[in-house]
Amino acid sequence: LKLFWLRPNMKLQMWRVALSSLSPRCSSASNGGGRHFSESRAKHTLRRLSLSQLELGNSTELTELRKACEEDGFFYLTEHGVSNRVLDSCLRAAGRFFSLPVSAKNEVHGSLTQVYPGTTGLPVRGYVGLKEERLGAYPGDTVEHKEAFDWAADLPALGAQTPFHGPNLWPSSLQQADFREPMEAFRDQLLSVGLRLLRQTSIVRGLRPDALDDVFSQPTFVCRTLQYSPSSEEQQMGCNPHTDNGFITLLHQDSVGGLQAKLQGSEWVDVPPLPGALVINIGDTLAAHTAGRWRSTVHRVLPSPDSARLSAAFFLDPNASMKMLPDDTRAGETKEAIKVLLHKAGLAQDDLDSLRHMSFAEYKVQVFSKFAPDSSPHDDFTDVKHGQQLP
């Protein structure tokens, strides 16, 4: 990929990720005793896929990748080449940051960013305080018991000319070795894994491995680390049910648990942490690029009554200018999942033409504009709220 805009040392880090396996396929871990709502949960085992085996052309693994994307939208990725040291160092650094006094964290509050559209109040860089977001957002959703910190590639801020590109906000109260360096190592190595996985998703769609290189030449990826506060309140969410807006999400989580996904059935399924494995889920934009054949799956986080939960996510997003629907997408080819995107984009349910001409940056702005607690929520929408297929 022609990632010409990255610093030379960042390019070097990306493409020198070790290809040796971390461990054999991981065994299931418990959910850490986190509290769950009273509704029942399905017993469903997510697939565990090896990136190493995918890249070796293992036909069974490639078939399982296609099925995972079509049927669940969620899977575990093993043998990806990122060491536990890099993953856990990121969470330790996040813990140091979230332990700072609020005044120190507010020195890098997202409202201070130079990155457009963060300059209009949307969360794109820096600190997001407790109860400052309400993902979804749909009637009945609550403000969330979480804090967050967002970072990406450090680039010049050129305003609306380069949306979602610009400099990060780094706290001065932490040494670079204690915060910035582990966060950058996580970013660089997860970017490499994401791009490698992207090529495998193209292969199982019957495309060339490099089919999406052009729309990922200046990707608008972002990293987010989150701390979910403990809560025993029955209706309190760590993170409301939602779908991710981008292409592919790669997640590292601690041992506390609480992540759940709404898969094919009507019940929530636990997505417990597996040592050394990344959790992967499909986002809205990749679902749109497949005309809805791959589903952007609804998921949420329930807080533990006893322990704070830490996670770090890498959102692999395309160029800001990428159109949400390929030009050759016809109405008869689209699946029900496309209705989710139309709804979140504020478009009529038959308005494929507007979605076809909407850029990824425009879609992302539309989605992010609903995150503020005082924003008007979306109209209720069964497919998003409950993960069910519409008639």
Foldseek 3Di string as FASTA:
>chain_A
DQLVQADPVLVVLLVPQDQAFADPFFDDDDQQQFDDFPDDFDADDAAEAELSCLVVVPPVRLVSVLCNQQFFLKHKYGSLRDYPCLFVLQQQLVVVQVPDPPVQQCVFDLCPDLAPPSVVVFRQAGKDDAQQWFAQHEPPTGRAQKIKGKDAGADPHPYPVAHLHHHHRDGPVDDCVSHVVSVSSVRSHVVSSVLSVCLSVCVSVVHHSCPCVVQANPWSKMKMKMKGDADPDNSHFNHAWFFAAFAKKKKDWDQNFFKWWQTADQRIHGDGHTPRIIMMGGGQQNCQAQLNSGARIIMGGHHGNPDMIMMMMMGTHTGQFAQSHPPPDDPVRHFQRVQVLCQLLVHDSSPVVVSRRHGSNSSVCSSSVQTGPPDDHGYDDCCRNRVYRDD
